[in-house]
């Protein structure tokens, strides 16, 4: 659903990630997937990404606290975070290394 890169697909994916988190609140990859889905939906709707980022990025911190080796959390932070290019590259490399 998320791979469709549409609002509808992203919102449906967010629902599935939320269901997975409800079943297992310590499912770090589902937390990062939820952020990806919500941010992609917001981007496609042309929402204020800075405001959405402020709401969603703490979930990535939570995912990395649960599982410091959650590669998808690093990749999501690289994509959606507001860090500089060096930080983004570091996160991408770490995420890909872990995945």
PDB file of N, CA and C in Angstrom:
ATOM      1  N   UNK A   1       0.818  -1.194   0.000  1.00  0.00           N
ATOM      2  CA  UNK A   1       0.000   0.000   0.000  1.00  0.00           C
ATOM      3  C   UNK A   1       0.864   1.260   0.000  1.00  0.00           C
ATOM      4  N   UNK A   2       1.904   1.238   0.799  1.00  0.00           N
ATOM      5  CA  UNK A   2       2.774   2.409   0.906  1.00  0.00           C
ATOM      6  C   UNK A   2       3.531   2.650  -0.396  1.00  0.00           C
ATOM      7  N   UNK A   3       3.865   1.585  -1.085  1.00  0.00           N
ATOM      8  CA  UNK A   3       4.630   1.701  -2.319  1.00  0.00           C
ATOM      9  C   UNK A   3       3.843   2.371  -3.446  1.00  0.00           C
ATOM     10  N   UNK A   4       2.557   2.524  -3.279  1.00  0.00           N
ATOM     11  CA  UNK A   4       1.748   3.184  -4.320  1.00  0.00           C
ATOM     12  C   UNK A   4       2.025   4.686  -4.372  1.00  0.00           C
ATOM     13  N   UNK A   5       2.536   5.238  -3.275  1.00  0.00           N
ATOM     14  CA  UNK A   5       2.856   6.670  -3.195  1.00  0.00           C
ATOM     15  C   UNK A   5       1.629   7.543  -3.452  1.00  0.00           C
ATOM     16  N   UNK A   6       0.495   7.118  -2.941  1.00  0.00           N
ATOM     17  CA  UNK A   6      -0.733   7.901  -3.048  1.00  0.00           C
ATOM     18  C   UNK A   6      -1.226   8.214  -1.644  1.00  0.00           C
ATOM     19  N   UNK A   7      -2.086   9.197  -1.534  1.00  0.00           N
ATOM     20  CA  UNK A   7      -2.675   9.526  -0.237  1.00  0.00           C
ATOM     21  C   UNK A   7      -3.457   8.326   0.276  1.00  0.00           C
ATOM     22  N   UNK A   8      -4.309   7.778  -0.562  1.00  0.00           N
ATOM     23  CA  UNK A   8      -5.151   6.647  -0.152  1.00  0.00           C
ATOM     24  C   UNK A   8      -4.292   5.447   0.281  1.00  0.00           C
ATOM     25  N   UNK A   9      -3.293   5.112  -0.506  1.00  0.00           N
ATOM     26  CA  UNK A   9      -2.432   3.990  -0.165  1.00  0.00           C
ATOM     27  C   UNK A   9      -1.654   4.245   1.118  1.00  0.00           C
ATOM     28  N   UNK A  10      -1.158   5.459   1.281  1.00  0.00           N
ATOM     29  CA  UNK A  10      -0.401   5.806   2.487  1.00  0.00           C
ATOM     30  C   UNK A  10      -1.276   5.781   3.729  1.00  0.00           C
ATOM     31  N   UNK A  11      -2.484   6.287   3.604  1.00  0.00           N
ATOM     32  CA  UNK A  11      -3.404   6.265   4.752  1.00  0.00           C
ATOM     33  C   UNK A  11      -3.797   4.832   5.114  1.00  0.00           C
ATOM     34  N   UNK A  12      -3.999   3.984   4.105  1.00  0.00           N
ATOM     35  CA  UNK A  12      -4.319   2.581   4.376  1.00  0.00           C
ATOM     36  C   UNK A  12      -3.134   1.884   5.042  1.00  0.00           C
ATOM     37  N   UNK A  13      -1.926   2.187   4.575  1.00  0.00           N
ATOM     38  CA  UNK A  13      -0.732   1.605   5.192  1.00  0.00           C
ATOM     39  C   UNK A  13      -0.601   2.067   6.635  1.00  0.00           C
ATOM     40  N   UNK A  14      -0.883   3.349   6.889  1.00  0.00           N
ATOM     41  CA  UNK A  14      -0.806   3.875   8.259  1.00  0.00           C
ATOM     42  C   UNK A  14      -1.757   3.118   9.185  1.00  0.00           C
ATOM     43  N   UNK A  15      -2.943   2.818   8.681  1.00  0.00           N
ATOM     44  CA  UNK A  15      -3.900   2.045   9.489  1.00  0.00           C
ATOM     45  C   UNK A  15      -3.345   0.670   9.834  1.00  0.00           C
ATOM     46  N   UNK A  16      -2.725   0.012   8.866  1.00  0.00           N
ATOM     47  CA  UNK A  16      -2.153  -1.323   9.106  1.00  0.00           C
ATOM     48  C   UNK A  16      -0.984  -1.254  10.083  1.00  0.00           C
ATOM     49  N   UNK A  17      -0.134  -0.235   9.932  1.00  0.00           N
ATOM     50  CA  UNK A  17       0.974  -0.086  10.876  1.00  0.00           C
ATOM     51  C   UNK A  17       0.432   0.183  12.288  1.00  0.00           C
ATOM     52  N   UNK A  18      -0.611   0.997  12.396  1.00  0.00           N
ATOM     53  CA  UNK A  18      -1.214   1.273  13.707  1.00  0.00           C
ATOM     54  C   UNK A  18      -1.788  -0.005  14.319  1.00  0.00           C
ATOM     55  N   UNK A  19      -2.402  -0.845  13.499  1.00  0.00           N
ATOM     56  CA  UNK A  19      -2.915  -2.135  13.991  1.00  0.00           C
ATOM     57  C   UNK A  19      -1.778  -3.011  14.511  1.00  0.00           C
ATOM     58  N   UNK A  20      -0.675  -3.038  13.780  1.00  0.00           N
ATOM     59  CA  UNK A  20       0.476  -3.841  14.209  1.00  0.00           C
ATOM     60  C   UNK A  20       1.030  -3.324  15.534  1.00  0.00           C
ATOM     61  N   UNK A  21       1.085  -2.016  15.683  1.00  0.00           N
ATOM     62  CA  UNK A  21       1.588  -1.415  16.926  1.00  0.00           C
ATOM     63  C   UNK A  21       0.648  -1.718  18.085  1.00  0.00           C
ATOM     64  N   UNK A  22      -0.648  -1.725  17.813  1.00  0.00           N
ATOM     65  CA  UNK A  22      -1.618  -2.066  18.862  1.00  0.00           C
ATOM     66  C   UNK A  22      -1.400  -3.501  19.342  1.00  0.00           C
ATOM     67  N   UNK A  23      -1.042  -4.391  18.431  1.00  0.00           N
ATOM     68  CA  UNK A  23      -0.769  -5.783  18.786  1.00  0.00           C
ATOM     69  C   UNK A  23       0.568  -5.926  19.511  1.00  0.00           C
ATOM     70  N   UNK A  24       1.547  -5.131  19.101  1.00  0.00           N
ATOM     71  CA  UNK A  24       2.880  -5.198  19.703  1.00  0.00           C
ATOM     72  C   UNK A  24       3.474  -3.790  19.768  1.00  0.00           C
ATOM     73  N   UNK A  25       3.266  -3.098  20.889  1.00  0.00           N
ATOM     74  CA  UNK A  25       3.757  -1.717  21.029  1.00  0.00           C
ATOM     75  C   UNK A  25       5.283  -1.584  20.919  1.00  0.00           C
ATOM     76  N   UNK A  26       5.987  -2.690  20.983  1.00  0.00           N
ATOM     77  CA  UNK A  26       7.448  -2.646  20.878  1.00  0.00           C
ATOM     78  C   UNK A  26       7.945  -3.056  19.486  1.00  0.00           C
ATOM     79  N   UNK A  27       7.073  -3.000  18.511  1.00  0.00           N
ATOM     80  CA  UNK A  27       7.404  -3.341  17.124  1.00  0.00           C
ATOM     81  C   UNK A  27       7.993  -2.088  16.469  1.00  0.00           C
ATOM     82  N   UNK A  28       9.311  -1.935  16.603  1.00  0.00           N
ATOM     83  CA  UNK A  28       9.995  -0.718  16.159  1.00  0.00           C
ATOM     84  C   UNK A  28       9.817  -0.463  14.667  1.00  0.00           C
ATOM     85  N   UNK A  29       9.909  -1.500  13.857  1.00  0.00           N
ATOM     86  CA  UNK A  29       9.768  -1.316  12.411  1.00  0.00           C
ATOM     87  C   UNK A  29       8.376  -0.818  12.037  1.00  0.00           C
ATOM     88  N   UNK A  30       7.360  -1.226  12.792  1.00  0.00           N
ATOM     89  CA  UNK A  30       6.005  -0.731  12.523  1.00  0.00           C
ATOM     90  C   UNK A  30       5.900   0.749  12.877  1.00  0.00           C
ATOM     91  N   UNK A  31       6.591   1.182  13.927  1.00  0.00           N
ATOM     92  CA  UNK A  31       6.597   2.605  14.275  1.00  0.00           C
ATOM     93  C   UNK A  31       7.226   3.430  13.157  1.00  0.00           C
ATOM     94  N   UNK A  32       8.347   2.964  12.638  1.00  0.00           N
ATOM     95  CA  UNK A  32       8.977   3.714  11.553  1.00  0.00           C
ATOM     96  C   UNK A  32       8.122   3.662  10.284  1.00  0.00           C
ATOM     97  N   UNK A  33       7.462   2.542  10.043  1.00  0.00           N
ATOM     98  CA  UNK A  33       6.555   2.448   8.905  1.00  0.00           C
ATOM     99  C   UNK A  33       5.383   3.401   9.038  1.00  0.00           C
ATOM    100  N   UNK A  34       4.890   3.547  10.259  1.00  0.00           N
ATOM    101  CA  UNK A  34       3.785   4.481  10.515  1.00  0.00           C
ATOM    102  C   UNK A  34       4.211   5.907  10.186  1.00  0.00           C
ATOM    103  N   UNK A  35       5.418   6.263  10.589  1.00  0.00           N
ATOM    104  CA  UNK A  35       5.934   7.600  10.265  1.00  0.00           C
ATOM    105  C   UNK A  35       6.042   7.773   8.758  1.00  0.00           C
ATOM    106  N   UNK A  36       6.615   6.796   8.076  1.00  0.00           N
ATOM    107  CA  UNK A  36       6.718   6.872   6.610  1.00  0.00           C
ATOM    108  C   UNK A  36       5.344   7.085   5.977  1.00  0.00           C
ATOM    109  N   UNK A  37       4.388   6.296   6.404  1.00  0.00           N
ATOM    110  CA  UNK A  37       3.047   6.365   5.823  1.00  0.00           C
ATOM    111  C   UNK A  37       2.394   7.722   6.081  1.00  0.00           C
ATOM    112  N   UNK A  38       2.483   8.186   7.322  1.00  0.00           N
ATOM    113  CA  UNK A  38       1.857   9.475   7.654  1.00  0.00           C
ATOM    114  C   UNK A  38       2.542  10.636   6.949  1.00  0.00           C
ATOM    115  N   UNK A  39       3.869  10.592   6.878  1.00  0.00           N
ATOM    116  CA  UNK A  39       4.590  11.680   6.220  1.00  0.00           C
ATOM    117  C   UNK A  39       4.332  11.676   4.717  1.00  0.00           C
ATOM    118  N   UNK A  40       4.294  10.497   4.122  1.00  0.00           N
ATOM    119  CA  UNK A  40       4.024  10.430   2.689  1.00  0.00           C
ATOM    120  C   UNK A  40       2.615  10.933   2.381  1.00  0.00           C
ATOM    121  N   UNK A  41       1.659  10.554   3.201  1.00  0.00           N
ATOM    122  CA  UNK A  41       0.289  11.045   2.995  1.00  0.00           C
ATOM    123  C   UNK A  41       0.246  12.565   3.119  1.00  0.00           C
ATOM    124  N   UNK A  42       0.934  13.098   4.126  1.00  0.00           N
ATOM    125  CA  UNK A  42       0.963  14.549   4.321  1.00  0.00           C
ATOM    126  C   UNK A  42       1.629  15.246   3.137  1.00  0.00           C
ATOM    127  N   UNK A  43       2.697  14.667   2.641  1.00  0.00           N
ATOM    128  CA  UNK A  43       3.384  15.240   1.484  1.00  0.00           C
ATOM    129  C   UNK A  43       2.467  15.254   0.264  1.00  0.00           C
ATOM    130  N   UNK A  44       1.783  14.144   0.021  1.00  0.00           N
ATOM    131  CA  UNK A  44       0.905  14.042  -1.139  1.00  0.00           C
ATOM    132  C   UNK A  44      -0.318  14.968  -1.024  1.00  0.00           C
ATOM    133  N   UNK A  45      -0.743  15.246   0.217  1.00  0.00           N
ATOM    134  CA  UNK A  45      -1.863  16.181   0.427  1.00  0.00           C
ATOM    135  C   UNK A  45      -1.398  17.635   0.393  1.00  0.00           C
ATOM    136  N   UNK A  46      -0.088  17.829   0.339  1.00  0.00           N
ATOM    137  CA  UNK A  46       0.519  19.165   0.377  1.00  0.00           C
ATOM    138  C   UNK A  46       0.265  19.852   1.715  1.00  0.00           C
ATOM    139  N   UNK A  47       0.285  19.037   2.784  1.00  0.00           N
ATOM    140  CA  UNK A  47       0.144  19.571   4.139  1.00  0.00           C
ATOM    141  C   UNK A  47       1.439  20.271   4.541  1.00  0.00           C
ATOM    142  N   UNK A  48       1.384  20.943   5.676  1.00  0.00           N
ATOM    143  CA  UNK A  48       2.558  21.580   6.257  1.00  0.00           C
ATOM    144  C   UNK A  48       3.469  20.474   6.806  1.00  0.00           C
ATOM    145  N   UNK A  49       4.543  20.176   6.079  1.00  0.00           N
ATOM    146  CA  UNK A  49       5.406  19.071   6.480  1.00  0.00           C
ATOM    147  C   UNK A  49       6.179  19.375   7.758  1.00  0.00           C
ATOM    148  N   UNK A  50       6.479  20.633   8.011  1.00  0.00           N
ATOM    149  CA  UNK A  50       7.191  20.970   9.246  1.00  0.00           C
ATOM    150  C   UNK A  50       6.330  20.612  10.457  1.00  0.00           C
ATOM    151  N   UNK A  51       5.052  20.921  10.389  1.00  0.00           N
ATOM    152  CA  UNK A  51       4.148  20.598  11.494  1.00  0.00           C
ATOM    153  C   UNK A  51       3.984  19.091  11.629  1.00  0.00           C
ATOM    154  N   UNK A  52       3.840  18.409  10.507  1.00  0.00           N
ATOM    155  CA  UNK A  52       3.686  16.951  10.543  1.00  0.00           C
ATOM    156  C   UNK A  52       4.965  16.291  11.054  1.00  0.00           C
ATOM    157  N   UNK A  53       6.094  16.806  10.630  1.00  0.00           N
ATOM    158  CA  UNK A  53       7.389  16.294  11.091  1.00  0.00           C
ATOM    159  C   UNK A  53       7.488  16.398  12.612  1.00  0.00           C
ATOM    160  N   UNK A  54       7.038  17.517  13.145  1.00  0.00           N
ATOM    161  CA  UNK A  54       7.078  17.736  14.593  1.00  0.00           C
ATOM    162  C   UNK A  54       6.235  16.692  15.336  1.00  0.00           C
ATOM    163  N   UNK A  55       5.122  16.286  14.729  1.00  0.00           N
ATOM    164  CA  UNK A  55       4.256  15.272  15.347  1.00  0.00           C
ATOM    165  C   UNK A  55       4.812  13.854  15.187  1.00  0.00           C
ATOM    166  N   UNK A  56       5.441  13.585  14.075  1.00  0.00           N
ATOM    167  CA  UNK A  56       5.812  12.208  13.749  1.00  0.00           C
ATOM    168  C   UNK A  56       7.218  11.793  14.173  1.00  0.00           C
ATOM    169  N   UNK A  57       8.185  12.686  14.103  1.00  0.00           N
ATOM    170  CA  UNK A  57       9.566  12.287  14.363  1.00  0.00           C
ATOM    171  C   UNK A  57       9.813  11.724  15.757  1.00  0.00           C
ATOM    172  N   UNK A  58       9.078  12.153  16.781  1.00  0.00           N
ATOM    173  CA  UNK A  58       9.276  11.494  18.084  1.00  0.00           C
ATOM    174  C   UNK A  58       9.003   9.986  18.039  1.00  0.00           C
ATOM    175  N   UNK A  59       8.148   9.537  17.125  1.00  0.00           N
ATOM    176  CA  UNK A  59       7.916   8.100  16.978  1.00  0.00           C
ATOM    177  C   UNK A  59       9.185   7.378  16.528  1.00  0.00           C
ATOM    178  N   UNK A  60       9.985   8.047  15.700  1.00  0.00           N
ATOM    179  CA  UNK A  60      11.243   7.435  15.266  1.00  0.00           C
ATOM    180  C   UNK A  60      12.226   7.334  16.419  1.00  0.00           C
ATOM    181  N   UNK A  61      12.233   8.349  17.277  1.00  0.00           N
ATOM    182  CA  UNK A  61      13.076   8.264  18.479  1.00  0.00           C
ATOM    183  C   UNK A  61      12.637   7.077  19.323  1.00  0.00           C
ATOM    184  N   UNK A  62      11.329   6.895  19.441  1.00  0.00           N
ATOM    185  CA  UNK A  62      10.794   5.766  20.197  1.00  0.00           C
ATOM    186  C   UNK A  62      11.174   4.439  19.562  1.00  0.00           C
ATOM    187  N   UNK A  63      11.119   4.373  18.241  1.00  0.00           N
ATOM    188  CA  UNK A  63      11.495   3.131  17.540  1.00  0.00           C
ATOM    189  C   UNK A  63      12.955   2.802  17.793  1.00  0.00           C
ATOM    190  N   UNK A  64      13.813   3.825  17.764  1.00  0.00           N
ATOM    191  CA  UNK A  64      15.242   3.578  17.977  1.00  0.00           C
ATOM    192  C   UNK A  64      15.542   3.263  19.444  1.00  0.00           C
ATOM    193  N   UNK A  65      14.725   3.763  20.362  1.00  0.00           N
ATOM    194  CA  UNK A  65      14.886   3.390  21.772  1.00  0.00           C
ATOM    195  C   UNK A  65      14.507   1.922  21.976  1.00  0.00           C
ATOM    196  N   UNK A  66      13.419   1.514  21.344  1.00  0.00           N
ATOM    197  CA  UNK A  66      12.980   0.116  21.444  1.00  0.00           C
ATOM    198  C   UNK A  66      14.014  -0.812  20.817  1.00  0.00           C
ATOM    199  N   UNK A  67      14.475  -0.443  19.626  1.00  0.00           N
ATOM    200  CA  UNK A  67      15.431  -1.272  18.896  1.00  0.00           C
ATOM    201  C   UNK A  67      16.479  -0.367  18.242  1.00  0.00           C
ATOM    202  N   UNK A  68      17.623  -0.188  18.899  1.00  0.00           N
ATOM    203  CA  UNK A  68      18.670   0.670  18.339  1.00  0.00           C
ATOM    204  C   UNK A  68      19.184   0.189  16.976  1.00  0.00           C
ATOM    205  N   UNK A  69      18.867  -1.039  16.614  1.00  0.00           N
ATOM    206  CA  UNK A  69      19.297  -1.589  15.328  1.00  0.00           C
ATOM    207  C   UNK A  69      18.172  -1.636  14.298  1.00  0.00           C
ATOM    208  N   UNK A  70      17.171  -0.818  14.481  1.00  0.00           N
ATOM    209  CA  UNK A  70      16.048  -0.758  13.542  1.00  0.00           C
ATOM    210  C   UNK A  70      16.452   0.113  12.346  1.00  0.00           C
ATOM    211  N   UNK A  71      16.888  -0.547  11.300  1.00  0.00           N
ATOM    212  CA  UNK A  71      17.357   0.170  10.124  1.00  0.00           C
ATOM    213  C   UNK A  71      16.316   1.079   9.509  1.00  0.00           C
ATOM    214  N   UNK A  72      15.069   0.632   9.504  1.00  0.00           N
ATOM    215  CA  UNK A  72      14.017   1.455   8.877  1.00  0.00           C
ATOM    216  C   UNK A  72      13.800   2.770   9.625  1.00  0.00           C
ATOM    217  N   UNK A  73      14.085   2.811  10.913  1.00  0.00           N
ATOM    218  CA  UNK A  73      13.945   4.062  11.666  1.00  0.00           C
ATOM    219  C   UNK A  73      14.998   5.075  11.229  1.00  0.00           C
ATOM    220  N   UNK A  74      16.216   4.594  10.962  1.00  0.00           N
ATOM    221  CA  UNK A  74      17.265   5.494  10.483  1.00  0.00           C
ATOM    222  C   UNK A  74      16.958   5.993   9.076  1.00  0.00           C
ATOM    223  N   UNK A  75      16.481   5.094   8.219  1.00  0.00           N
ATOM    224  CA  UNK A  75      16.155   5.495   6.847  1.00  0.00           C
ATOM    225  C   UNK A  75      15.001   6.502   6.856  1.00  0.00           C
ATOM    226  N   UNK A  76      13.985   6.245   7.656  1.00  0.00           N
ATOM    227  CA  UNK A  76      12.855   7.180   7.730  1.00  0.00           C
ATOM    228  C   UNK A  76      13.304   8.543   8.239  1.00  0.00           C
ATOM    229  N   UNK A  77      14.200   8.548   9.234  1.00  0.00           N
ATOM    230  CA  UNK A  77      14.692   9.834   9.737  1.00  0.00           C
ATOM    231  C   UNK A  77      15.503  10.554   8.667  1.00  0.00           C
ATOM    232  N   UNK A  78      16.255   9.796   7.866  1.00  0.00           N
ATOM    233  CA  UNK A  78      17.013  10.412   6.780  1.00  0.00           C
ATOM    234  C   UNK A  78      16.083  11.040   5.750  1.00  0.00           C
ATOM    235  N   UNK A  79      14.988  10.364   5.453  1.00  0.00           N
ATOM    236  CA  UNK A  79      14.048  10.868   4.448  1.00  0.00           C
ATOM    237  C   UNK A  79      13.235  12.045   4.971  1.00  0.00           C
ATOM    238  N   UNK A  80      12.691  11.901   6.169  1.00  0.00           N
ATOM    239  CA  UNK A  80      11.710  12.865   6.656  1.00  0.00           C
ATOM    240  C   UNK A  80      12.251  13.867   7.674  1.00  0.00           C
ATOM    241  N   UNK A  81      13.429  13.609   8.193  1.00  0.00           N
ATOM    242  CA  UNK A  81      13.988  14.503   9.206  1.00  0.00           C
ATOM    243  C   UNK A  81      14.362  15.855   8.635  1.00  0.00           C
ATOM    244  N   UNK A  82      14.709  16.749   9.505  1.00  0.00           N
ATOM    245  CA  UNK A  82      15.084  18.091   9.069  1.00  0.00           C
ATOM    246  C   UNK A  82      16.557  18.367   9.341  1.00  0.00           C
ATOM    247  N   UNK A  83      17.343  17.281   9.421  1.00  0.00           N
ATOM    248  CA  UNK A  83      18.775  17.424   9.649  1.00  0.00           C
ATOM    249  C   UNK A  83      19.500  17.897   8.414  1.00  0.00           C
ATOM    250  N   UNK A  84      20.768  18.217   8.600  1.00  0.00           N
ATOM    251  CA  UNK A  84      21.569  18.652   7.465  1.00  0.00           C
ATOM    252  C   UNK A  84      21.929  17.445   6.589  1.00  0.00           C
ATOM    253  N   UNK A  85      22.533  17.714   5.475  1.00  0.00           N
ATOM    254  CA  UNK A  85      22.843  16.672   4.493  1.00  0.00           C
ATOM    255  C   UNK A  85      23.775  15.621   5.089  1.00  0.00           C
ATOM    256  N   UNK A  86      24.720  16.041   5.901  1.00  0.00           N
ATOM    257  CA  UNK A  86      25.653  15.093   6.512  1.00  0.00           C
ATOM    258  C   UNK A  86      24.926  14.143   7.446  1.00  0.00           C
ATOM    259  N   UNK A  87      24.005  14.659   8.240  1.00  0.00           N
ATOM    260  CA  UNK A  87      23.217  13.824   9.150  1.00  0.00           C
ATOM    261  C   UNK A  87      22.336  12.864   8.359  1.00  0.00           C
ATOM    262  N   UNK A  88      21.710  13.364   7.300  1.00  0.00           N
ATOM    263  CA  UNK A  88      20.875  12.508   6.461  1.00  0.00           C
ATOM    264  C   UNK A  88      21.697  11.366   5.864  1.00  0.00           C
ATOM    265  N   UNK A  89      22.868  11.678   5.348  1.00  0.00           N
ATOM    266  CA  UNK A  89      23.693  10.639   4.748  1.00  0.00           C
ATOM    267  C   UNK A  89      24.119   9.607   5.792  1.00  0.00           C
ATOM    268  N   UNK A  90      24.472  10.084   6.977  1.00  0.00           N
ATOM    269  CA  UNK A  90      24.857   9.169   8.050  1.00  0.00           C
ATOM    270  C   UNK A  90      23.697   8.240   8.397  1.00  0.00           C
ATOM    271  N   UNK A  91      22.493   8.810   8.508  1.00  0.00           N
ATOM    272  CA  UNK A  91      21.313   7.991   8.814  1.00  0.00           C
ATOM    273  C   UNK A  91      21.017   6.987   7.704  1.00  0.00           C
ATOM    274  N   UNK A  92      21.111   7.423   6.448  1.00  0.00           N
ATOM    275  CA  UNK A  92      20.878   6.498   5.333  1.00  0.00           C
ATOM    276  C   UNK A  92      21.871   5.343   5.386  1.00  0.00           C
ATOM    277  N   UNK A  93      23.135   5.666   5.550  1.00  0.00           N
ATOM    278  CA  UNK A  93      24.161   4.618   5.573  1.00  0.00           C
ATOM    279  C   UNK A  93      23.929   3.650   6.739  1.00  0.00           C
ATOM    280  N   UNK A  94      23.616   4.190   7.919  1.00  0.00           N
ATOM    281  CA  UNK A  94      23.382   3.340   9.078  1.00  0.00           C
ATOM    282  C   UNK A  94      22.143   2.466   8.855  1.00  0.00           C
ATOM    283  N   UNK A  95      21.090   3.059   8.349  1.00  0.00           N
ATOM    284  CA  UNK A  95      19.866   2.295   8.099  1.00  0.00           C
ATOM    285  C   UNK A  95      20.065   1.182   7.100  1.00  0.00           C
ATOM    286  N   UNK A  96      20.774   1.479   6.022  1.00  0.00           N
ATOM    287  CA  UNK A  96      21.027   0.450   5.002  1.00  0.00           C
ATOM    288  C   UNK A  96      21.948  -0.639   5.541  1.00  0.00           C
ATOM    289  N   UNK A  97      22.912  -0.239   6.346  1.00  0.00           N
ATOM    290  CA  UNK A  97      23.809  -1.221   6.970  1.00  0.00           C
ATOM    291  C   UNK A  97      23.023  -2.182   7.862  1.00  0.00           C
ATOM    292  N   UNK A  98      22.084  -1.653   8.612  1.00  0.00           N
ATOM    293  CA  UNK A  98      21.293  -2.478   9.532  1.00  0.00           C
ATOM    294  C   UNK A  98      20.268  -3.324   8.804  1.00  0.00           C
ATOM    295  N   UNK A  99      19.716  -2.809   7.718  1.00  0.00           N
ATOM    296  CA  UNK A  99      18.725  -3.572   6.964  1.00  0.00           C
ATOM    297  C   UNK A  99      19.402  -4.573   6.071  1.00  0.00           C
TER     298      UNK A  99
END
